């Protein structure tokens, strides 16, 4: 069972993500973490869970892909890809301080053509999510 992952960019910078929880099955992956260690400097972040669940057709191609990124008290983004329709439905919920106007939830629902992957990245240890 994995306890962390280390990512090194082209400039030699390293990002270590120590997992609080790690669960992997044949067609499912779920990891939870609350610390990012960038070039040896640890930064606490809101507890974050990345979850991926997929289904494969008999011919080996992807049938469905479900992605979910939950950032505690901040944001919840889910993306559902359907190969038959060749589209991805994305729901992006902002919570608390991430909401621009007040503390109420704000939700964006978007449908995009093709398979869209949720991109979890960091910029010097600061979390970014794009799609």
Foldseek 3Di string as FASTA:
>chain_A
DDQWDWDADPVGKIKIFGFPDWDDDPFKTKTWGQWIQINNRIDGFAIKMWIKGFDADPVGHTAKIWIWIDGPQAKIKIWIAGVVQQKIKIKIWGAAPNDDPHGDIDIDIDMGGHDDDWDWDDDSGHTDIDD
